[in-house]
Amino acid sequence: MTTKPTAIGYLRRDISGISQNWHETQIRSLAQRLGYTLSKTIVFGPRTHDPIARLITAARNAAARAVITPCLWHFSSHLPAELIAECDLITITPHHTYTRRPPPPVGDSLGSRTPMA
């Protein structure tokens, strides 16, 4: 039997407002539809100190392959590159997956190439 990959949900209380319960339901539903086990949903407020770092820590602790969020507004409308370096980011509206990129192979950076003689 194969185990499903783990995901965590993320939203900001101030962005969701009265739709918070609906957003949490959407996160659970999408996780299930995509074949993830939803470990938990992290809810932060507008005054949460360093929410991206805290979300990354939670994702690492849960061994999450993905973070599911209602939309990018929960990240102040920008892509959190440091999060995407750790795991995939899936938005519900619009439905999109921002896939993490694997690190380049060792010795494959532009600075390590030797010039041709």
Protein backbone atom coordinates (compact mmCIF):
# COMPACT_ATOMS: atom_id res chain seq x y z
CA MET A 1 0.00 0.00 0.00
CA THR A 2 1.38 3.40 -0.95
CA THR A 3 1.11 6.31 1.38
CA LYS A 4 -0.35 9.57 0.18
CA PRO A 5 1.90 12.64 0.19
CA THR A 6 1.25 15.15 2.95
CA ALA A 7 -0.02 18.70 2.45
CA ILE A 8 -0.84 21.52 4.82
CA GLY A 9 -3.37 24.28 4.31
CA TYR A 10 -2.63 27.94 4.82
CA LEU A 11 -4.76 31.03 5.11
CA ARG A 12 -4.81 34.43 6.71
CA ARG A 13 -7.74 35.13 8.99
CA ASP A 14 -7.99 38.77 7.90
CA ILE A 15 -8.05 37.86 4.19
CA SER A 16 -10.62 35.06 4.59
CA GLY A 17 -12.85 37.02 6.95
CA ILE A 18 -16.31 35.47 7.16
CA SER A 19 -15.31 32.97 4.44
CA GLN A 20 -12.71 31.25 6.64
CA ASN A 21 -14.80 28.10 7.20
CA TRP A 22 -15.54 27.89 3.47
CA HIS A 23 -11.84 28.33 2.63
CA GLU A 24 -10.90 25.56 5.06
CA THR A 25 -13.49 23.28 3.44
CA GLN A 26 -12.10 24.10 -0.02
CA ILE A 27 -8.56 23.30 1.16
CA ARG A 28 -9.65 19.93 2.58
CA SER A 29 -11.60 19.10 -0.57
CA LEU A 30 -8.78 19.99 -2.97
CA ALA A 31 -6.22 18.08 -0.90
CA GLN A 32 -8.40 14.98 -1.04
CA ARG A 33 -9.10 15.39 -4.77
CA LEU A 34 -5.36 15.71 -5.52
CA GLY A 35 -4.49 12.67 -3.41
CA TYR A 36 -2.87 14.40 -0.43
CA THR A 37 -3.31 13.71 3.24
CA LEU A 38 -4.04 17.10 4.79
CA SER A 39 -1.98 17.27 7.98
CA LYS A 40 -3.44 20.56 9.23
CA THR A 41 -4.41 24.06 8.21
CA ILE A 42 -2.29 26.91 9.49
CA VAL A 43 -4.22 30.14 10.18
CA PHE A 44 -2.29 33.34 10.80
CA GLY A 45 -3.45 36.87 11.46
CA PRO A 46 -2.12 40.12 10.01
CA ARG A 47 0.23 40.64 12.97
CA THR A 48 1.91 37.24 12.81
CA HIS A 49 5.65 37.77 12.85
CA ASP A 50 7.45 36.26 9.83
CA PRO A 51 4.55 34.11 8.60
CA ILE A 52 6.47 32.62 5.66
CA ALA A 53 9.31 31.35 7.87
CA ARG A 54 6.77 29.91 10.31
CA LEU A 55 4.87 28.26 7.45
CA ILE A 56 8.09 26.76 6.08
CA THR A 57 8.91 25.37 9.53
CA ALA A 58 5.43 23.84 9.80
CA ALA A 59 5.75 22.33 6.31
CA ARG A 60 9.13 20.82 7.19
CA ASN A 61 7.82 19.45 10.49
CA ALA A 62 4.87 17.83 8.71
CA ALA A 63 7.11 16.59 5.86
CA ALA A 64 4.63 18.32 3.55
CA ARG A 65 5.12 18.17 -0.18
CA ALA A 66 2.58 20.94 -0.76
CA VAL A 67 0.90 23.94 0.81
CA ILE A 68 -2.67 24.62 -0.32
CA THR A 69 -4.11 28.12 -0.05
CA PRO A 70 -7.29 29.80 -1.33
CA CYS A 71 -5.37 32.36 -3.43
CA LEU A 72 -2.16 34.39 -3.52
CA TRP A 73 -3.82 37.21 -1.55
CA HIS A 74 -3.00 35.14 1.54
CA PHE A 75 0.66 35.86 0.70
CA SER A 76 0.07 39.58 0.04
CA SER A 77 -0.34 38.75 -3.67
CA HIS A 78 3.25 37.68 -4.27
CA LEU A 79 4.81 34.29 -4.79
CA PRO A 80 6.81 33.30 -1.70
CA ALA A 81 9.94 31.98 -3.46
CA GLU A 82 11.44 30.70 -0.20
CA LEU A 83 8.33 28.54 0.36
CA ILE A 84 8.30 27.24 -3.21
CA ALA A 85 11.95 26.23 -2.75
CA GLU A 86 10.69 23.84 -0.02
CA CYS A 87 7.42 22.49 -1.40
CA ASP A 88 4.78 23.01 -4.06
CA LEU A 89 2.28 25.82 -3.57
CA ILE A 90 -1.25 25.10 -4.80
CA THR A 91 -3.84 27.85 -5.13
CA ILE A 92 -7.56 27.15 -5.33
CA THR A 93 -8.55 30.33 -7.20
CA PRO A 94 -7.25 30.30 -9.79
CA HIS A 95 -6.35 26.63 -9.58
CA HIS A 96 -2.60 26.57 -10.14
CA THR A 97 0.40 24.64 -8.84
CA TYR A 98 3.66 26.50 -8.37
CA THR A 99 6.12 23.64 -8.45
CA ARG A 100 9.28 23.64 -6.41
CA ARG A 101 12.40 23.46 -8.44
CA PRO A 102 15.10 20.98 -7.54
CA PRO A 103 18.51 22.46 -6.79
CA PRO A 104 20.95 22.42 -9.71
CA PRO A 105 23.37 19.50 -9.82
CA VAL A 106 26.64 20.02 -7.97
CA GLY A 107 29.18 21.79 -10.19
CA ASP A 108 26.51 22.92 -12.66
CA SER A 109 26.37 26.58 -11.73
CA LEU A 110 27.46 29.20 -14.23
CA GLY A 111 30.37 30.23 -12.03
CA SER A 112 31.90 26.75 -12.01
CA ARG A 113 32.36 26.37 -15.74
CA THR A 114 35.84 26.64 -17.08
CA PRO A 115 36.40 28.86 -20.11
CA MET A 116 37.33 27.22 -23.36
CA ALA A 117 40.91 27.87 -24.47
